Amino acid sequence: MVNKKSRHELIKTIISERHVGTQEEIKVILEEYGISVTQATLSRDLRELGLLKLRDENGKLYYSLSEAASLHFSQAARSYIRRVARAGFMLVFHTELGEADVLANIIDKDANDNILGTVAGADTLLVVCKDEVIASEYEKDLLTSL
């Protein structure tokens, strides 16, 4: 029997190497490695790993390792955000006057692959995300903490 940490590492490897769309597919692949898990255990593992379900260019859903940490702004960044709105794959952050460029520098320095770029004004920051799913996840995360 494999321990939880090893199982989590194997699941992350599977997700990073293959386009896996269902828990059943993951379960079958784990069984190929000699690891048998219940549906409840696998579901809990996926939740603990913070996996996302994204949609590929053909509309097929798949699990992604867009690490949970990468979908959360740092506490430093959050401290500047007063309001957030989303337009498709873009987010608009409102800050205090003169703080948008500081926030842009913090976000740009993080070099997050899910963020393609930022454009700052005096009190407004446009954040261009990789896609609408990512933008939506950021928006939800920020709305729960503002």
Protein backbone atom coordinates (compact mmCIF):
# COMPACT_ATOMS: atom_id res chain seq x y z
CA MET A 1 0.00 0.00 0.00
CA VAL A 2 1.36 3.41 -0.99
CA ASN A 3 1.23 6.37 1.39
CA LYS A 4 -0.80 9.50 0.73
CA LYS A 5 2.19 11.71 -0.13
CA SER A 6 3.47 9.23 -2.74
CA ARG A 7 -0.04 8.84 -4.17
CA HIS A 8 -0.38 12.64 -4.44
CA GLU A 9 2.97 12.88 -6.25
CA LEU A 10 1.92 10.17 -8.69
CA ILE A 11 -1.42 11.90 -9.35
CA LYS A 12 0.44 15.17 -10.06
CA THR A 13 2.74 13.34 -12.47
CA ILE A 14 -0.22 11.73 -14.25
CA ILE A 15 -2.03 15.09 -14.59
CA SER A 16 1.08 16.86 -15.87
CA GLU A 17 1.85 14.18 -18.48
CA ARG A 18 -1.64 13.34 -19.78
CA HIS A 19 -4.92 15.07 -20.62
CA VAL A 20 -7.09 13.33 -18.03
CA GLY A 21 -10.72 14.41 -17.88
CA THR A 22 -12.36 12.19 -15.28
CA GLN A 23 -11.66 10.73 -11.88
CA GLU A 24 -12.33 7.30 -13.35
CA GLU A 25 -9.48 7.80 -15.84
CA ILE A 26 -7.15 8.73 -12.98
CA LYS A 27 -8.31 5.70 -11.01
CA VAL A 28 -7.57 3.36 -13.95
CA ILE A 29 -4.09 4.86 -14.42
CA LEU A 30 -3.36 4.51 -10.70
CA GLU A 31 -4.40 0.86 -10.93
CA GLU A 32 -1.88 0.42 -13.78
CA TYR A 33 0.73 1.45 -11.20
CA GLY A 34 -0.67 -1.07 -8.74
CA ILE A 35 -2.46 1.51 -6.61
CA SER A 36 -6.09 0.86 -5.76
CA VAL A 37 -8.14 3.71 -4.28
CA THR A 38 -11.79 4.24 -3.51
CA GLN A 39 -13.75 6.95 -5.26
CA ALA A 40 -14.02 8.87 -1.98
CA THR A 41 -10.24 8.75 -1.42
CA LEU A 42 -9.50 9.85 -4.97
CA SER A 43 -12.00 12.68 -4.77
CA ARG A 44 -10.42 13.86 -1.51
CA ASP A 45 -6.92 13.60 -3.03
CA LEU A 46 -7.90 15.77 -6.01
CA ARG A 47 -9.48 18.36 -3.72
CA GLU A 48 -6.40 18.43 -1.46
CA LEU A 49 -4.12 18.84 -4.48
CA GLY A 50 -6.20 21.83 -5.59
CA LEU A 51 -6.57 20.58 -9.15
CA LEU A 52 -8.63 22.62 -11.57
CA LYS A 53 -10.82 21.43 -14.39
CA LEU A 54 -10.04 23.43 -17.50
CA ARG A 55 -11.44 23.27 -21.03
CA ASP A 56 -9.11 22.65 -23.96
CA GLU A 57 -9.43 24.24 -27.42
CA ASN A 58 -11.88 21.49 -28.45
CA GLY A 59 -14.11 22.06 -25.43
CA LYS A 60 -13.02 18.88 -23.60
CA LEU A 61 -12.60 19.21 -19.84
CA TYR A 62 -9.35 18.06 -18.25
CA TYR A 63 -7.61 18.27 -14.90
CA SER A 64 -4.83 20.80 -14.58
CA LEU A 65 -2.00 21.29 -12.13
CA SER A 66 -2.56 25.03 -12.10
CA GLU A 67 -1.33 24.80 -8.55
CA ALA A 68 -3.70 26.28 -6.02
CA ALA A 69 -0.98 28.67 -4.97
CA SER A 70 -0.75 30.00 -8.51
CA LEU A 71 -4.41 30.94 -8.43
CA HIS A 72 -4.09 33.06 -5.36
CA PHE A 73 -2.59 36.48 -5.12
CA SER A 74 -0.05 37.10 -2.40
CA GLN A 75 -1.13 38.93 0.72
CA ALA A 76 0.98 41.89 -0.44
CA ALA A 77 -0.98 42.08 -3.71
CA ARG A 78 -4.34 41.65 -1.99
CA SER A 79 -3.65 44.58 0.32
CA TYR A 80 -3.77 46.98 -2.66
CA ILE A 81 -6.99 45.67 -4.26
CA ARG A 82 -10.15 47.60 -3.31
CA ARG A 83 -12.53 46.25 -5.98
CA VAL A 84 -12.35 43.65 -8.73
CA ALA A 85 -14.38 43.13 -11.91
CA ARG A 86 -13.98 40.64 -14.74
CA ALA A 87 -14.49 41.03 -18.50
CA GLY A 88 -13.93 37.66 -20.14
CA PHE A 89 -10.29 36.71 -19.64
CA MET A 90 -9.36 40.10 -18.13
CA LEU A 91 -9.61 41.40 -14.60
CA VAL A 92 -9.87 45.05 -13.60
CA PHE A 93 -8.54 45.94 -10.17
CA HIS A 94 -9.28 49.25 -8.50
CA THR A 95 -6.73 50.58 -6.02
CA GLU A 96 -6.11 53.77 -4.15
CA LEU A 97 -4.73 56.63 -6.27
CA GLY A 98 -1.11 55.97 -7.26
CA GLU A 99 -1.09 52.31 -6.22
CA ALA A 100 -2.03 50.50 -9.44
CA ASP A 101 1.55 50.51 -10.75
CA VAL A 102 2.83 49.17 -7.43
CA LEU A 103 0.30 46.33 -7.62
CA ALA A 104 1.30 45.66 -11.26
CA ASN A 105 4.95 45.37 -10.21
CA ILE A 106 4.03 42.87 -7.47
CA ILE A 107 1.98 40.73 -9.86
CA ASP A 108 4.58 40.94 -12.66
CA LYS A 109 7.37 39.99 -10.25
CA ASP A 110 5.47 36.82 -9.29
CA ALA A 111 5.90 35.66 -12.94
CA ASN A 112 2.72 33.58 -12.82
CA ASP A 113 2.15 31.59 -16.04
CA ASN A 114 -1.61 32.16 -15.71
CA ILE A 115 -1.16 35.93 -16.10
CA LEU A 116 -0.04 37.15 -19.50
CA GLY A 117 0.49 40.78 -18.49
CA THR A 118 -0.69 43.89 -16.69
CA VAL A 119 -1.43 47.49 -17.69
CA ALA A 120 -1.55 50.07 -14.92
CA GLY A 121 -3.15 53.47 -14.69
CA ALA A 122 -3.21 55.67 -11.60
CA ASP A 123 -5.82 53.71 -9.66
CA THR A 124 -6.88 50.97 -12.08
CA LEU A 125 -5.01 47.86 -13.15
CA LEU A 126 -5.89 45.64 -16.09
CA VAL A 127 -4.72 42.03 -15.62
CA VAL A 128 -4.78 39.83 -18.73
CA CYS A 129 -5.25 36.18 -17.78
CA LYS A 130 -4.46 33.10 -19.88
CA ASP A 131 -8.17 32.31 -20.34
CA GLU A 132 -11.66 32.94 -18.97
CA VAL A 133 -11.55 29.96 -16.59
CA ILE A 134 -8.41 31.29 -14.90
CA ALA A 135 -9.83 34.83 -14.74
CA SER A 136 -13.03 33.50 -13.21
CA GLU A 137 -11.10 31.54 -10.54
CA TYR A 138 -9.06 34.63 -9.62
CA GLU A 139 -12.22 36.72 -9.45
CA LYS A 140 -13.98 34.22 -7.17
CA ASP A 141 -10.94 33.97 -4.92
CA LEU A 142 -10.62 37.74 -4.61
CA LEU A 143 -14.34 38.38 -4.09
CA THR A 144 -14.36 36.05 -1.12
CA SER A 145 -11.51 37.94 0.54
CA LEU A 146 -12.30 41.60 -0.21
